[in-house]
Structure formats: structure tokens, C-alpha cells
Amino acid sequence: MSTSKAIFETLAEAIRGYGVEVRLKDMDIEKPGEFDGLSITINPKHDVESATYYLAHSFGSIFQWSTRHEYAGRVFSEIRDARKERSKDPGRFEQALGQYRQFEETSSDHAVWMLGRIGHAESIEPYTVFFRADLEAMTQFHKTGKEPPWPEFFAEWRRKVAAGEVRVEPFHAKPVDPFQPVKIAPQEVLQEQD
């Protein structure tokens, strides 16, 4: 088993230990995964490194949905509603976007803690580069209504990071205490390919 595959399997087992099922299922290539609070489904068409990062991030999101359900629901309904009314109330949109970004960053804070907990701290830096890029792509989606094509966007992001044009802020590990997973409406993980 490759190191990346071993990390994925170790992470999946740790997540199952919290009562969240982890599954693999072939889906459209633009859908790396989905989760519903009780389970995370990962699309094996994506490389195992990306799949591992989506699994970790989805788990961080589930922890927030399960422990701060009303808050999480407000964040996502507000970004949806504020985006529709953006031209009428740009201040509301910017505030909603900030709350959305904070939610996603906190999901990554939990994800990097989990990667360290399972003994794979070496994955935290590449996870961080990946999910800082993902957050910027999703911010662009919320601002423009169109997510940039991920392969090109991520390649350019990595180039800028390597050239020192982009400084990647670290996430700050936040522990995931034992919790009761809560069923939520299915959340799709999307990644524009073209």
C-alpha cells in the first residue's frame, strides 16, 4: 500500500471511530465527495492525496455541523441569500462571505489536528496549500457565480506559492472532542474541471 493510500485508510479508520461512516463511490469527476453528517462519501476517481484532503476537511465540517448546528445552518443560508441580493446590499454579502470563509477555515483547523493526531503531521503543509487554494476558488465562486477550473487554478496557485507571490497562512489545529454526529442535508464537495 502506498504511503498516500495508507494515510487515507488511517484517516478513514480514525473518522469511523467518531461514528462517521466513510465510503467510496464513483461519481461525476467534478464531485470529489459528499457528506450528510453521518457519512462521508469520497469519489475514488480523484487521486488519493486529494481524496485524503477532502476526507479530512469534510470531517472538520461534520464536526462543526454536529456541534454548532444552528450556526452552521445560518452561515450557509446567509451566504446563499446574500449572494442573491449582492447588488442591493454588498456589505451584507461581504459579511456573509467572511463568515463562510471562517467556517471553512475552522473545518481545516479540525482537519489538520486530525492529520496530526493520526501520526501524519507531514501531510499538514500540503493539505494547507491545497485547502487555501480551494478556499480561494470557492471565494471566487461566491463572488462571480463561477468556480475556476480546478486543475489550472491549483497549478497556478502552486506556482505562485513556490515563487513567493502567495503566502500560505497555516491553519491552527483545533481538537475534535468526542461528539454525536448529526444528520444534515447532503453537502456536495464540488471541483470545476473545465
N, C-alpha and C. Protein backbone atom coordinates (compact mmCIF):
# COMPACT_ATOMS: atom_id res chain seq x y z
N MET A 1 0.85 -1.18 0.00
CA MET A 1 0.00 0.00 0.00
C MET A 1 0.90 1.24 0.00
N SER A 2 0.61 2.21 -0.89
CA SER A 2 1.42 3.42 -0.95
C SER A 2 1.20 4.24 0.32
N THR A 3 2.15 5.12 0.57
CA THR A 3 2.04 5.98 1.75
C THR A 3 0.75 6.78 1.72
N SER A 4 0.40 7.37 0.57
CA SER A 4 -0.82 8.16 0.47
C SER A 4 -2.05 7.32 0.77
N LYS A 5 -2.07 6.10 0.23
CA LYS A 5 -3.20 5.19 0.47
C LYS A 5 -3.26 4.83 1.96
N ALA A 6 -2.10 4.63 2.55
CA ALA A 6 -2.05 4.30 3.98
C ALA A 6 -2.59 5.46 4.83
N ILE A 7 -2.26 6.69 4.45
CA ILE A 7 -2.77 7.85 5.18
C ILE A 7 -4.29 7.92 5.05
N PHE A 8 -4.79 7.73 3.83
CA PHE A 8 -6.24 7.75 3.62
C PHE A 8 -6.92 6.71 4.51
N GLU A 9 -6.41 5.48 4.50
CA GLU A 9 -7.02 4.41 5.27
C GLU A 9 -6.95 4.68 6.78
N THR A 10 -5.82 5.20 7.24
CA THR A 10 -5.68 5.52 8.67
C THR A 10 -6.65 6.62 9.06
N LEU A 11 -6.77 7.63 8.20
CA LEU A 11 -7.70 8.72 8.47
C LEU A 11 -9.14 8.22 8.47
N ALA A 12 -9.49 7.41 7.49
CA ALA A 12 -10.86 6.87 7.42
C ALA A 12 -11.19 6.08 8.68
N GLU A 13 -10.25 5.27 9.14
CA GLU A 13 -10.47 4.47 10.36
C GLU A 13 -10.66 5.38 11.58
N ALA A 14 -9.86 6.44 11.67
CA ALA A 14 -10.00 7.37 12.80
C ALA A 14 -11.35 8.07 12.76
N ILE A 15 -11.80 8.45 11.57
CA ILE A 15 -13.10 9.11 11.43
C ILE A 15 -14.23 8.15 11.81
N ARG A 16 -14.11 6.91 11.40
CA ARG A 16 -15.12 5.91 11.79
C ARG A 16 -15.20 5.79 13.32
N GLY A 17 -14.06 6.00 13.98
CA GLY A 17 -14.01 5.95 15.44
C GLY A 17 -14.87 7.02 16.09
N TYR A 18 -15.20 8.06 15.35
CA TYR A 18 -16.09 9.12 15.84
C TYR A 18 -17.55 8.85 15.46
N GLY A 19 -17.80 7.72 14.82
CA GLY A 19 -19.17 7.37 14.46
C GLY A 19 -19.62 7.87 13.10
N VAL A 20 -18.67 8.31 12.27
CA VAL A 20 -18.98 8.80 10.92
C VAL A 20 -18.50 7.74 9.92
N GLU A 21 -19.40 7.24 9.12
CA GLU A 21 -19.06 6.22 8.12
C GLU A 21 -18.30 6.87 6.97
N VAL A 22 -17.33 6.13 6.43
CA VAL A 22 -16.57 6.59 5.26
C VAL A 22 -16.77 5.57 4.15
N ARG A 23 -17.18 6.09 2.98
CA ARG A 23 -17.46 5.22 1.84
C ARG A 23 -16.74 5.74 0.60
N LEU A 24 -16.55 4.84 -0.36
CA LEU A 24 -16.06 5.20 -1.69
C LEU A 24 -17.18 4.94 -2.67
N LYS A 25 -17.35 5.85 -3.64
CA LYS A 25 -18.39 5.68 -4.64
C LYS A 25 -18.01 6.48 -5.88
N ASP A 26 -18.04 5.84 -7.03
CA ASP A 26 -17.79 6.55 -8.28
C ASP A 26 -18.89 7.58 -8.50
N MET A 27 -18.47 8.82 -8.75
CA MET A 27 -19.38 9.92 -9.04
C MET A 27 -18.82 10.70 -10.21
N ASP A 28 -19.55 11.69 -10.65
CA ASP A 28 -19.05 12.58 -11.69
C ASP A 28 -17.70 13.14 -11.25
N ILE A 29 -16.77 13.32 -12.17
CA ILE A 29 -15.42 13.77 -11.83
C ILE A 29 -15.43 15.13 -11.12
N GLU A 30 -16.44 15.96 -11.38
CA GLU A 30 -16.50 17.28 -10.75
C GLU A 30 -17.02 17.23 -9.31
N LYS A 31 -17.28 16.03 -8.83
CA LYS A 31 -17.78 15.85 -7.46
C LYS A 31 -16.81 14.93 -6.71
N PRO A 32 -15.81 15.52 -6.03
CA PRO A 32 -14.85 14.70 -5.30
C PRO A 32 -15.44 13.98 -4.08
N GLY A 33 -16.58 14.49 -3.61
CA GLY A 33 -17.17 13.85 -2.44
C GLY A 33 -18.47 14.51 -2.03
N GLU A 34 -19.07 13.94 -1.00
CA GLU A 34 -20.27 14.49 -0.39
C GLU A 34 -20.35 13.96 1.03
N PHE A 35 -21.11 14.67 1.85
CA PHE A 35 -21.30 14.19 3.23
C PHE A 35 -22.66 14.62 3.73
N ASP A 36 -23.16 13.87 4.70
CA ASP A 36 -24.50 14.15 5.24
C ASP A 36 -24.53 14.16 6.76
N GLY A 37 -23.38 14.33 7.37
CA GLY A 37 -23.30 14.36 8.83
C GLY A 37 -23.01 13.00 9.43
N LEU A 38 -23.64 11.96 8.89
CA LEU A 38 -23.44 10.60 9.39
C LEU A 38 -22.44 9.82 8.55
N SER A 39 -22.17 10.33 7.35
CA SER A 39 -21.24 9.63 6.47
C SER A 39 -20.54 10.62 5.54
N ILE A 40 -19.39 10.19 5.06
CA ILE A 40 -18.63 10.92 4.05
C ILE A 40 -18.41 9.95 2.91
N THR A 41 -18.76 10.37 1.70
CA THR A 41 -18.55 9.54 0.52
C THR A 41 -17.52 10.23 -0.35
N ILE A 42 -16.47 9.51 -0.68
CA ILE A 42 -15.36 10.04 -1.47
C ILE A 42 -15.35 9.38 -2.84
N ASN A 43 -15.11 10.18 -3.85
CA ASN A 43 -15.04 9.71 -5.23
C ASN A 43 -13.64 9.18 -5.52
N PRO A 44 -13.48 7.88 -5.75
CA PRO A 44 -12.14 7.32 -5.98
C PRO A 44 -11.54 7.68 -7.33
N LYS A 45 -12.28 8.43 -8.16
CA LYS A 45 -11.72 8.89 -9.44
C LYS A 45 -10.64 9.96 -9.21
N HIS A 46 -10.64 10.57 -8.02
CA HIS A 46 -9.64 11.58 -7.70
C HIS A 46 -8.41 10.91 -7.10
N ASP A 47 -7.26 11.55 -7.27
CA ASP A 47 -6.03 10.97 -6.72
C ASP A 47 -6.16 10.84 -5.21
N VAL A 48 -5.44 9.90 -4.65
CA VAL A 48 -5.60 9.56 -3.24
C VAL A 48 -5.19 10.71 -2.32
N GLU A 49 -4.23 11.52 -2.73
CA GLU A 49 -3.83 12.65 -1.90
C GLU A 49 -4.99 13.66 -1.79
N SER A 50 -5.58 14.03 -2.92
CA SER A 50 -6.73 14.94 -2.89
C SER A 50 -7.89 14.33 -2.11
N ALA A 51 -8.14 13.05 -2.33
CA ALA A 51 -9.23 12.36 -1.63
C ALA A 51 -9.01 12.42 -0.11
N THR A 52 -7.76 12.25 0.31
CA THR A 52 -7.45 12.33 1.74
C THR A 52 -7.76 13.71 2.29
N TYR A 53 -7.40 14.74 1.54
CA TYR A 53 -7.65 16.10 2.00
C TYR A 53 -9.15 16.40 2.06
N TYR A 54 -9.89 15.95 1.05
CA TYR A 54 -11.34 16.15 1.07
C TYR A 54 -11.97 15.40 2.24
N LEU A 55 -11.47 14.22 2.53
CA LEU A 55 -11.99 13.44 3.65
C LEU A 55 -11.74 14.18 4.97
N ALA A 56 -10.53 14.68 5.16
CA ALA A 56 -10.20 15.40 6.40
C ALA A 56 -11.05 16.66 6.54
N HIS A 57 -11.19 17.41 5.46
CA HIS A 57 -11.95 18.66 5.52
C HIS A 57 -13.44 18.38 5.76
N SER A 58 -13.97 17.37 5.09
CA SER A 58 -15.38 17.02 5.29
C SER A 58 -15.64 16.65 6.75
N PHE A 59 -14.70 15.94 7.35
CA PHE A 59 -14.85 15.57 8.75
C PHE A 59 -14.87 16.82 9.63
N GLY A 60 -13.99 17.78 9.35
CA GLY A 60 -14.00 19.03 10.11
C GLY A 60 -15.32 19.75 9.97
N SER A 61 -15.91 19.71 8.78
CA SER A 61 -17.23 20.33 8.57
C SER A 61 -18.31 19.60 9.35
N ILE A 62 -18.26 18.27 9.32
CA ILE A 62 -19.26 17.48 10.07
C ILE A 62 -19.18 17.79 11.56
N PHE A 63 -17.96 17.93 12.08
CA PHE A 63 -17.82 18.26 13.49
C PHE A 63 -18.53 19.58 13.80
N GLN A 64 -18.33 20.57 12.94
CA GLN A 64 -18.99 21.86 13.17
C GLN A 64 -20.50 21.75 13.03
N TRP A 65 -20.97 21.07 12.00
CA TRP A 65 -22.42 20.90 11.82
C TRP A 65 -23.03 20.16 13.02
N SER A 66 -22.29 19.22 13.57
CA SER A 66 -22.83 18.40 14.66
C SER A 66 -22.79 19.12 16.00
N THR A 67 -21.82 19.98 16.20
CA THR A 67 -21.66 20.63 17.50
C THR A 67 -22.16 22.07 17.51
N ARG A 68 -22.33 22.66 16.33
CA ARG A 68 -22.81 24.05 16.22
C ARG A 68 -23.81 24.12 15.06
N HIS A 69 -24.82 23.27 15.12
CA HIS A 69 -25.73 23.07 14.00
C HIS A 69 -26.43 24.37 13.56
N GLU A 70 -26.97 25.11 14.49
CA GLU A 70 -27.69 26.34 14.12
C GLU A 70 -26.74 27.34 13.47
N TYR A 71 -25.56 27.49 14.05
CA TYR A 71 -24.56 28.40 13.49
C TYR A 71 -24.20 27.99 12.06
N ALA A 72 -23.90 26.71 11.84
CA ALA A 72 -23.53 26.23 10.52
C ALA A 72 -24.65 26.49 9.51
N GLY A 73 -25.87 26.19 9.90
CA GLY A 73 -27.01 26.42 9.02
C GLY A 73 -27.15 27.89 8.65
N ARG A 74 -26.94 28.78 9.62
CA ARG A 74 -27.03 30.22 9.36
C ARG A 74 -25.95 30.67 8.38
N VAL A 75 -24.73 30.16 8.55
CA VAL A 75 -23.62 30.56 7.68
C VAL A 75 -23.96 30.24 6.22
N PHE A 76 -24.44 29.03 5.98
CA PHE A 76 -24.69 28.62 4.60
C PHE A 76 -25.95 29.24 4.01
N SER A 77 -26.99 29.42 4.82
CA SER A 77 -28.18 30.09 4.27
C SER A 77 -27.90 31.57 4.03
N GLU A 78 -27.10 32.18 4.88
CA GLU A 78 -26.79 33.61 4.71
C GLU A 78 -25.92 33.85 3.48
N ILE A 79 -24.94 33.01 3.21
CA ILE A 79 -24.12 33.24 2.01
C ILE A 79 -24.96 33.05 0.76
N ARG A 80 -25.87 32.07 0.79
CA ARG A 80 -26.78 31.86 -0.36
C ARG A 80 -27.67 33.09 -0.57
N ASP A 81 -28.30 33.54 0.50
CA ASP A 81 -29.24 34.67 0.40
C ASP A 81 -28.51 35.97 0.07
N ALA A 82 -27.38 36.21 0.71
CA ALA A 82 -26.64 37.45 0.49
C ALA A 82 -26.09 37.52 -0.93
N ARG A 83 -25.72 36.37 -1.48
CA ARG A 83 -25.21 36.34 -2.86
C ARG A 83 -26.31 36.78 -3.83
N LYS A 84 -27.54 36.35 -3.58
CA LYS A 84 -28.66 36.72 -4.45
C LYS A 84 -28.94 38.23 -4.40
N GLU A 85 -28.71 38.82 -3.24
CA GLU A 85 -29.01 40.25 -3.03
C GLU A 85 -27.74 41.10 -3.06
N ARG A 86 -26.68 40.57 -3.60
CA ARG A 86 -25.37 41.24 -3.53
C ARG A 86 -25.39 42.65 -4.09
N SER A 87 -26.04 42.86 -5.22
CA SER A 87 -26.03 44.20 -5.82
C SER A 87 -26.80 45.21 -4.97
N LYS A 88 -27.80 44.74 -4.24
CA LYS A 88 -28.59 45.64 -3.39
C LYS A 88 -27.91 45.93 -2.05
N ASP A 89 -27.15 44.93 -1.55
CA ASP A 89 -26.55 45.07 -0.23
C ASP A 89 -25.16 44.42 -0.22
N PRO A 90 -24.16 45.09 -0.84
CA PRO A 90 -22.82 44.50 -0.90
C PRO A 90 -22.18 44.29 0.47
N GLY A 91 -22.52 45.13 1.44
CA GLY A 91 -21.97 44.97 2.78
C GLY A 91 -22.42 43.66 3.42
N ARG A 92 -23.69 43.34 3.23
CA ARG A 92 -24.21 42.07 3.76
C ARG A 92 -23.48 40.90 3.11
N PHE A 93 -23.26 40.99 1.79
CA PHE A 93 -22.56 39.91 1.09
C PHE A 93 -21.15 39.74 1.64
N GLU A 94 -20.42 40.83 1.81
CA GLU A 94 -19.04 40.73 2.31
C GLU A 94 -19.00 40.13 3.71
N GLN A 95 -19.97 40.50 4.54
CA GLN A 95 -20.03 39.93 5.89
C GLN A 95 -20.33 38.43 5.83
N ALA A 96 -21.28 38.05 4.98
CA ALA A 96 -21.62 36.63 4.83
C ALA A 96 -20.45 35.84 4.27
N LEU A 97 -19.73 36.43 3.33
CA LEU A 97 -18.55 35.77 2.76
C LEU A 97 -17.49 35.57 3.83
N GLY A 98 -17.29 36.56 4.68
CA GLY A 98 -16.34 36.42 5.78
C GLY A 98 -16.71 35.30 6.73
N GLN A 99 -18.01 35.18 7.04
CA GLN A 99 -18.47 34.10 7.94
C GLN A 99 -18.29 32.73 7.27
N TYR A 100 -18.59 32.67 5.98
CA TYR A 100 -18.39 31.42 5.23
C TYR A 100 -16.91 31.02 5.25
N ARG A 101 -16.03 31.97 4.98
CA ARG A 101 -14.59 31.67 4.98
C ARG A 101 -14.14 31.21 6.37
N GLN A 102 -14.67 31.83 7.41
CA GLN A 102 -14.30 31.43 8.77
C GLN A 102 -14.75 30.00 9.05
N PHE A 103 -15.95 29.64 8.61
CA PHE A 103 -16.43 28.28 8.79
C PHE A 103 -15.49 27.29 8.10
N GLU A 104 -15.12 27.59 6.86
CA GLU A 104 -14.24 26.69 6.10
C GLU A 104 -12.85 26.61 6.71
N GLU A 105 -12.35 27.73 7.22
CA GLU A 105 -11.04 27.71 7.89
C GLU A 105 -11.10 26.86 9.15
N THR A 106 -12.19 26.99 9.90
CA THR A 106 -12.32 26.19 11.12
C THR A 106 -12.41 24.70 10.78
N SER A 107 -13.08 24.36 9.69
CA SER A 107 -13.11 22.96 9.25
C SER A 107 -11.69 22.47 8.99
N SER A 108 -10.87 23.33 8.38
CA SER A 108 -9.47 22.96 8.13
C SER A 108 -8.65 22.92 9.42
N ASP A 109 -8.97 23.79 10.38
CA ASP A 109 -8.28 23.72 11.68
C ASP A 109 -8.50 22.33 12.30
N HIS A 110 -9.73 21.83 12.22
CA HIS A 110 -10.02 20.49 12.74
C HIS A 110 -9.34 19.41 11.89
N ALA A 111 -9.30 19.63 10.58
CA ALA A 111 -8.68 18.65 9.68
C ALA A 111 -7.19 18.49 9.97
N VAL A 112 -6.48 19.61 10.16
CA VAL A 112 -5.04 19.48 10.40
C VAL A 112 -4.77 18.87 11.78
N TRP A 113 -5.65 19.14 12.73
CA TRP A 113 -5.50 18.48 14.03
C TRP A 113 -5.62 16.96 13.85
N MET A 114 -6.61 16.55 13.06
CA MET A 114 -6.83 15.12 12.84
C MET A 114 -5.64 14.48 12.12
N LEU A 115 -5.09 15.16 11.13
CA LEU A 115 -3.92 14.62 10.43
C LEU A 115 -2.75 14.45 11.40
N GLY A 116 -2.56 15.40 12.30
CA GLY A 116 -1.51 15.25 13.31
C GLY A 116 -1.82 14.14 14.29
N ARG A 117 -3.08 14.03 14.68
CA ARG A 117 -3.49 13.01 15.65
C ARG A 117 -3.23 11.60 15.15
N ILE A 118 -3.42 11.38 13.86
CA ILE A 118 -3.22 10.02 13.31
C ILE A 118 -1.75 9.75 12.95
N GLY A 119 -0.88 10.71 13.28
CA GLY A 119 0.55 10.49 13.08
C GLY A 119 1.06 10.88 11.70
N HIS A 120 0.34 11.77 11.02
CA HIS A 120 0.76 12.18 9.67
C HIS A 120 0.87 13.70 9.57
N ALA A 121 1.64 14.27 10.50
CA ALA A 121 1.85 15.72 10.50
C ALA A 121 2.52 16.19 9.21
N GLU A 122 3.24 15.31 8.53
CA GLU A 122 3.89 15.69 7.27
C GLU A 122 2.87 16.04 6.18
N SER A 123 1.62 15.64 6.37
CA SER A 123 0.56 15.95 5.41
C SER A 123 -0.06 17.33 5.64
N ILE A 124 0.26 17.96 6.76
CA ILE A 124 -0.39 19.23 7.09
C ILE A 124 0.00 20.33 6.13
N GLU A 125 1.28 20.44 5.79
CA GLU A 125 1.68 21.51 4.87
C GLU A 125 1.06 21.36 3.49
N PRO A 126 1.13 20.18 2.84
CA PRO A 126 0.47 20.07 1.54
C PRO A 126 -1.05 20.20 1.62
N TYR A 127 -1.65 19.73 2.72
CA TYR A 127 -3.09 19.94 2.93
C TYR A 127 -3.39 21.44 2.94
N THR A 128 -2.56 22.19 3.66
CA THR A 128 -2.77 23.63 3.81
C THR A 128 -2.69 24.34 2.46
N VAL A 129 -1.69 24.01 1.66
CA VAL A 129 -1.58 24.61 0.32
C VAL A 129 -2.84 24.28 -0.49
N PHE A 130 -3.26 23.02 -0.43
CA PHE A 130 -4.43 22.55 -1.18
C PHE A 130 -5.69 23.30 -0.75
N PHE A 131 -5.94 23.35 0.57
CA PHE A 131 -7.20 23.93 1.02
C PHE A 131 -7.19 25.45 1.07
N ARG A 132 -6.04 26.08 1.13
CA ARG A 132 -6.02 27.54 0.95
C ARG A 132 -6.41 27.85 -0.50
N ALA A 133 -5.93 27.04 -1.45
CA ALA A 133 -6.32 27.22 -2.85
C ALA A 133 -7.80 26.95 -3.02
N ASP A 134 -8.30 25.90 -2.41
CA ASP A 134 -9.72 25.56 -2.51
C ASP A 134 -10.59 26.70 -1.97
N LEU A 135 -10.18 27.28 -0.84
CA LEU A 135 -10.93 28.38 -0.25
C LEU A 135 -10.95 29.59 -1.18
N GLU A 136 -9.84 29.86 -1.84
CA GLU A 136 -9.81 30.98 -2.78
C GLU A 136 -10.68 30.70 -4.00
N ALA A 137 -10.67 29.45 -4.47
CA ALA A 137 -11.53 29.09 -5.61
C ALA A 137 -13.00 29.24 -5.24
N MET A 138 -13.36 28.81 -4.03
CA MET A 138 -14.76 28.92 -3.60
C MET A 138 -15.15 30.38 -3.34
N THR A 139 -14.21 31.18 -2.88
CA THR A 139 -14.48 32.60 -2.71
C THR A 139 -14.76 33.23 -4.07
N GLN A 140 -13.97 32.85 -5.06
CA GLN A 140 -14.19 33.34 -6.42
C GLN A 140 -15.57 32.91 -6.91
N PHE A 141 -15.96 31.67 -6.62
CA PHE A 141 -17.29 31.21 -6.99
C PHE A 141 -18.38 32.08 -6.37
N HIS A 142 -18.27 32.35 -5.07
CA HIS A 142 -19.30 33.15 -4.41
C HIS A 142 -19.33 34.58 -4.95
N LYS A 143 -18.19 35.11 -5.35
CA LYS A 143 -18.15 36.48 -5.86
C LYS A 143 -18.63 36.58 -7.30
N THR A 144 -18.37 35.54 -8.11
CA THR A 144 -18.66 35.64 -9.54
C THR A 144 -19.76 34.70 -10.03
N GLY A 145 -20.10 33.69 -9.22
CA GLY A 145 -21.08 32.70 -9.66
C GLY A 145 -20.47 31.57 -10.47
N LYS A 146 -19.15 31.62 -10.68
CA LYS A 146 -18.48 30.57 -11.45
C LYS A 146 -17.18 30.20 -10.75
N GLU A 147 -17.04 28.91 -10.48
CA GLU A 147 -15.80 28.42 -9.88
C GLU A 147 -14.76 28.26 -10.97
N PRO A 148 -13.52 28.66 -10.71
CA PRO A 148 -12.50 28.50 -11.74
C PRO A 148 -12.18 27.01 -11.96
N PRO A 149 -11.75 26.65 -13.17
CA PRO A 149 -11.37 25.25 -13.41
C PRO A 149 -10.22 24.86 -12.47
N TRP A 150 -10.46 23.85 -11.66
CA TRP A 150 -9.53 23.49 -10.59
C TRP A 150 -8.14 23.11 -11.07
N PRO A 151 -7.97 22.25 -12.06
CA PRO A 151 -6.60 21.86 -12.41
C PRO A 151 -5.71 23.06 -12.75
N GLU A 152 -6.22 23.99 -13.54
CA GLU A 152 -5.43 25.16 -13.90
C GLU A 152 -5.26 26.10 -12.70
N PHE A 153 -6.34 26.30 -11.95
CA PHE A 153 -6.29 27.18 -10.80
C PHE A 153 -5.27 26.68 -9.78
N PHE A 154 -5.31 25.39 -9.46
CA PHE A 154 -4.41 24.84 -8.46
C PHE A 154 -2.96 24.85 -8.95
N ALA A 155 -2.73 24.56 -10.23
CA ALA A 155 -1.37 24.62 -10.78
C ALA A 155 -0.81 26.03 -10.66
N GLU A 156 -1.62 27.02 -11.00
CA GLU A 156 -1.18 28.40 -10.90
C GLU A 156 -0.97 28.81 -9.44
N TRP A 157 -1.82 28.34 -8.56
CA TRP A 157 -1.68 28.61 -7.12
C TRP A 157 -0.35 28.06 -6.61
N ARG A 158 -0.05 26.82 -6.95
CA ARG A 158 1.22 26.22 -6.51
C ARG A 158 2.42 26.98 -7.08
N ARG A 159 2.31 27.43 -8.34
CA ARG A 159 3.39 28.21 -8.94
C ARG A 159 3.62 29.49 -8.15
N LYS A 160 2.53 30.18 -7.80
CA LYS A 160 2.63 31.43 -7.05
C LYS A 160 3.20 31.19 -5.65
N VAL A 161 2.82 30.09 -5.04
CA VAL A 161 3.36 29.75 -3.72
C VAL A 161 4.87 29.51 -3.83
N ALA A 162 5.28 28.71 -4.81
CA ALA A 162 6.70 28.40 -4.99
C ALA A 162 7.52 29.65 -5.30
N ALA A 163 6.92 30.60 -6.04
CA ALA A 163 7.62 31.83 -6.40
C ALA A 163 7.57 32.88 -5.29
N GLY A 164 6.85 32.60 -4.22
CA GLY A 164 6.73 33.55 -3.13
C GLY A 164 5.73 34.66 -3.39
N GLU A 165 4.91 34.51 -4.43
CA GLU A 165 3.90 35.52 -4.75
C GLU A 165 2.68 35.40 -3.85
N VAL A 166 2.46 34.22 -3.30
CA VAL A 166 1.35 33.95 -2.38
C VAL A 166 1.95 33.37 -1.11
N ARG A 167 1.55 33.95 0.02
CA ARG A 167 1.97 33.40 1.31
C ARG A 167 0.81 32.57 1.85
N VAL A 168 1.07 31.31 2.10
CA VAL A 168 0.03 30.41 2.57
C VAL A 168 0.00 30.46 4.10
N GLU A 169 -1.10 30.99 4.61
CA GLU A 169 -1.29 31.07 6.06
C GLU A 169 -1.56 29.68 6.60
N PRO A 170 -0.89 29.30 7.68
CA PRO A 170 -1.16 27.98 8.25
C PRO A 170 -2.54 27.94 8.91
N PHE A 171 -3.09 26.75 8.97
CA PHE A 171 -4.28 26.53 9.77
C PHE A 171 -3.80 26.23 11.19
N HIS A 172 -4.67 26.42 12.16
CA HIS A 172 -4.30 26.22 13.57
C HIS A 172 -5.08 25.04 14.12
N ALA A 173 -4.38 23.99 14.44
CA ALA A 173 -5.01 22.73 14.87
C ALA A 173 -5.98 22.96 16.02
N LYS A 174 -7.23 22.55 15.79
CA LYS A 174 -8.27 22.62 16.83
C LYS A 174 -8.75 21.20 17.08
N PRO A 175 -8.69 20.76 18.32
CA PRO A 175 -9.08 19.38 18.63
C PRO A 175 -10.54 19.07 18.29
N VAL A 176 -10.76 17.82 17.99
CA VAL A 176 -12.11 17.30 17.77
C VAL A 176 -12.40 16.41 18.97
N ASP A 177 -13.23 16.91 19.86
CA ASP A 177 -13.63 16.12 21.03
C ASP A 177 -14.67 15.10 20.59
N PRO A 178 -14.88 14.05 21.38
CA PRO A 178 -15.95 13.11 21.04
C PRO A 178 -17.27 13.87 20.88
N PHE A 179 -18.05 13.49 19.87
CA PHE A 179 -19.31 14.18 19.58
C PHE A 179 -20.29 13.19 18.98
N GLN A 180 -21.54 13.59 18.96
CA GLN A 180 -22.60 12.78 18.35
C GLN A 180 -22.85 13.32 16.95
N PRO A 181 -22.49 12.57 15.89
CA PRO A 181 -22.77 13.05 14.53
C PRO A 181 -24.26 13.27 14.32
N VAL A 182 -24.57 14.35 13.61
CA VAL A 182 -25.96 14.75 13.36
C VAL A 182 -26.23 14.69 11.87
N LYS A 183 -27.36 14.11 11.51
CA LYS A 183 -27.77 14.06 10.10
C LYS A 183 -28.06 15.47 9.60
N ILE A 184 -27.49 15.80 8.44
CA ILE A 184 -27.74 17.10 7.81
C ILE A 184 -28.11 16.86 6.35
N ALA A 185 -28.60 17.90 5.70
CA ALA A 185 -28.86 17.80 4.26
C ALA A 185 -27.54 17.49 3.56
N PRO A 186 -27.57 16.65 2.55
CA PRO A 186 -26.32 16.31 1.85
C PRO A 186 -25.58 17.56 1.37
N GLN A 187 -24.29 17.58 1.64
CA GLN A 187 -23.40 18.67 1.22
C GLN A 187 -22.47 18.11 0.15
N GLU A 188 -22.48 18.72 -1.01
CA GLU A 188 -21.61 18.25 -2.09
C GLU A 188 -20.29 18.99 -2.07
N VAL A 189 -19.23 18.25 -2.30
CA VAL A 189 -17.91 18.82 -2.50
C VAL A 189 -17.74 18.91 -4.01
N LEU A 190 -17.57 20.12 -4.53
CA LEU A 190 -17.51 20.30 -5.97
C LEU A 190 -16.16 20.85 -6.39
N GLN A 191 -15.77 20.52 -7.61
CA GLN A 191 -14.49 20.96 -8.13
C GLN A 191 -14.62 21.07 -9.64
N GLU A 192 -14.71 22.30 -10.14
CA GLU A 192 -14.86 22.55 -11.56
C GLU A 192 -13.65 22.03 -12.32
N GLN A 193 -13.88 21.19 -13.31
CA GLN A 193 -12.77 20.60 -14.05
C GLN A 193 -12.48 21.31 -15.37
N ASP A 194 -13.47 21.94 -15.97
CA ASP A 194 -13.25 22.60 -17.26
C ASP A 194 -13.42 24.09 -17.17
